[in-house]
Amino acid sequence: MAEIKAAIDALKSAVSVLKANPALLDSPELAFFKDYVKSLGATFPEPKKAAAAPNVNDIEDSDDDLPDLEEAAEPA
């Protein structure tokens, strides 16, 4: 159960980042997540043509204390 809690905490952190900068959803690295949310019925406005989507690798990593999702998913 601790693994699930860690994964949920990581997801909450990621969603907080996306709320602060929704344009990140247009980055290629997050296409899988956007596709998943769309499969649940969500709709998104078209990305703005003038501004390029920010690269998720350019964002400061503030979740160093959280385990990777792959680690959290591995059975103990």
C-alpha atoms as a PDB file:
ATOM      1  CA  MET A   1       0.000   0.000   0.000  1.00  0.00           C
ATOM      2  CA  ALA A   2       2.952   2.326   0.608  1.00  0.00           C
ATOM      3  CA  GLU A   3       3.897   1.998  -3.076  1.00  0.00           C
ATOM      4  CA  ILE A   4       0.450   3.148  -4.173  1.00  0.00           C
ATOM      5  CA  LYS A   5       0.563   6.098  -1.764  1.00  0.00           C
ATOM      6  CA  ALA A   6       3.944   7.153  -3.165  1.00  0.00           C
ATOM      7  CA  ALA A   7       2.603   6.912  -6.730  1.00  0.00           C
ATOM      8  CA  ILE A   8      -0.479   8.961  -5.790  1.00  0.00           C
ATOM      9  CA  ASP A   9       1.696  11.591  -4.127  1.00  0.00           C
ATOM     10  CA  ALA A  10       3.857  11.783  -7.278  1.00  0.00           C
ATOM     11  CA  LEU A  11       0.737  12.140  -9.429  1.00  0.00           C
ATOM     12  CA  LYS A  12      -0.564  14.933  -7.192  1.00  0.00           C
ATOM     13  CA  SER A  13       2.758  16.713  -7.573  1.00  0.00           C
ATOM     14  CA  ALA A  14       2.675  16.335 -11.356  1.00  0.00           C
ATOM     15  CA  VAL A  15      -0.903  17.634 -11.549  1.00  0.00           C
ATOM     16  CA  SER A  16       0.094  20.655  -9.444  1.00  0.00           C
ATOM     17  CA  VAL A  17       2.848  21.446 -11.947  1.00  0.00           C
ATOM     18  CA  LEU A  18       0.389  21.080 -14.837  1.00  0.00           C
ATOM     19  CA  LYS A  19      -2.130  23.349 -13.114  1.00  0.00           C
ATOM     20  CA  ALA A  20       0.563  25.990 -12.731  1.00  0.00           C
ATOM     21  CA  ASN A  21       1.646  25.625 -16.374  1.00  0.00           C
ATOM     22  CA  PRO A  22      -1.076  23.989 -18.509  1.00  0.00           C
ATOM     23  CA  ALA A  23       0.953  24.519 -21.691  1.00  0.00           C
ATOM     24  CA  LEU A  24       3.113  21.592 -20.564  1.00  0.00           C
ATOM     25  CA  LEU A  25       0.324  19.275 -21.711  1.00  0.00           C
ATOM     26  CA  ASP A  26       1.307  20.189 -25.270  1.00  0.00           C
ATOM     27  CA  SER A  27       4.837  18.855 -24.837  1.00  0.00           C
ATOM     28  CA  PRO A  28       5.645  15.590 -26.625  1.00  0.00           C
ATOM     29  CA  GLU A  29       6.827  14.013 -23.372  1.00  0.00           C
ATOM     30  CA  LEU A  30       3.311  14.246 -21.946  1.00  0.00           C
ATOM     31  CA  ALA A  31       1.403  13.103 -25.050  1.00  0.00           C
ATOM     32  CA  PHE A  32       0.689   9.737 -23.387  1.00  0.00           C
ATOM     33  CA  PHE A  33      -0.940  11.474 -20.403  1.00  0.00           C
ATOM     34  CA  LYS A  34      -2.975  13.826 -22.574  1.00  0.00           C
ATOM     35  CA  ASP A  35      -4.168  10.854 -24.646  1.00  0.00           C
ATOM     36  CA  TYR A  36      -5.217   9.038 -21.472  1.00  0.00           C
ATOM     37  CA  VAL A  37      -7.154  12.022 -20.126  1.00  0.00           C
ATOM     38  CA  LYS A  38      -8.825  12.454 -23.538  1.00  0.00           C
ATOM     39  CA  SER A  39      -9.864   8.793 -23.423  1.00  0.00           C
ATOM     40  CA  LEU A  40     -11.789   9.659 -20.260  1.00  0.00           C
ATOM     41  CA  GLY A  41     -13.731  12.326 -22.152  1.00  0.00           C
ATOM     42  CA  ALA A  42     -11.645  15.421 -21.497  1.00  0.00           C
ATOM     43  CA  THR A  43     -11.281  18.064 -24.176  1.00  0.00           C
ATOM     44  CA  PHE A  44      -8.432  20.507 -24.600  1.00  0.00           C
ATOM     45  CA  PRO A  45      -8.209  23.817 -26.425  1.00  0.00           C
ATOM     46  CA  GLU A  46      -5.932  23.906 -29.435  1.00  0.00           C
ATOM     47  CA  PRO A  47      -2.378  24.821 -28.460  1.00  0.00           C
ATOM     48  CA  LYS A  48      -1.372  28.389 -29.190  1.00  0.00           C
ATOM     49  CA  LYS A  49       0.633  28.577 -32.403  1.00  0.00           C
ATOM     50  CA  ALA A  50       2.797  31.537 -31.357  1.00  0.00           C
ATOM     51  CA  ALA A  51       4.331  29.959 -28.280  1.00  0.00           C
ATOM     52  CA  ALA A  52       6.158  26.674 -28.405  1.00  0.00           C
ATOM     53  CA  ALA A  53       5.254  24.134 -25.759  1.00  0.00           C
ATOM     54  CA  PRO A  54       7.746  24.196 -22.906  1.00  0.00           C
ATOM     55  CA  ASN A  55      10.054  21.254 -22.542  1.00  0.00           C
ATOM     56  CA  VAL A  56       9.338  19.297 -19.360  1.00  0.00           C
ATOM     57  CA  ASN A  57      13.088  18.791 -18.954  1.00  0.00           C
ATOM     58  CA  ASP A  58      13.541  22.553 -18.544  1.00  0.00           C
ATOM     59  CA  ILE A  59      11.401  22.647 -15.400  1.00  0.00           C
ATOM     60  CA  GLU A  60      13.169  22.536 -12.073  1.00  0.00           C
ATOM     61  CA  ASP A  61      12.756  19.094 -10.522  1.00  0.00           C
ATOM     62  CA  SER A  62      11.273  19.641  -7.076  1.00  0.00           C
ATOM     63  CA  ASP A  63      10.254  16.047  -6.365  1.00  0.00           C
ATOM     64  CA  ASP A  64      13.717  14.633  -5.637  1.00  0.00           C
ATOM     65  CA  ASP A  65      12.405  13.112  -2.425  1.00  0.00           C
ATOM     66  CA  LEU A  66       9.690  11.145  -4.241  1.00  0.00           C
ATOM     67  CA  PRO A  67      10.380   7.680  -5.662  1.00  0.00           C
ATOM     68  CA  ASP A  68      10.206   7.073  -9.393  1.00  0.00           C
ATOM     69  CA  LEU A  69       6.859   5.609 -10.479  1.00  0.00           C
ATOM     70  CA  GLU A  70       8.677   2.538 -11.777  1.00  0.00           C
ATOM     71  CA  GLU A  71      10.212   1.995  -8.337  1.00  0.00           C
ATOM     72  CA  ALA A  72       6.859   2.519  -6.642  1.00  0.00           C
ATOM     73  CA  ALA A  73       5.195  -0.040  -8.906  1.00  0.00           C
ATOM     74  CA  GLU A  74       7.725  -2.791  -8.187  1.00  0.00           C
ATOM     75  CA  PRO A  75       6.580  -5.340  -5.615  1.00  0.00           C
ATOM     76  CA  ALA A  76       8.540  -5.289  -2.386  1.00  0.00           C
END
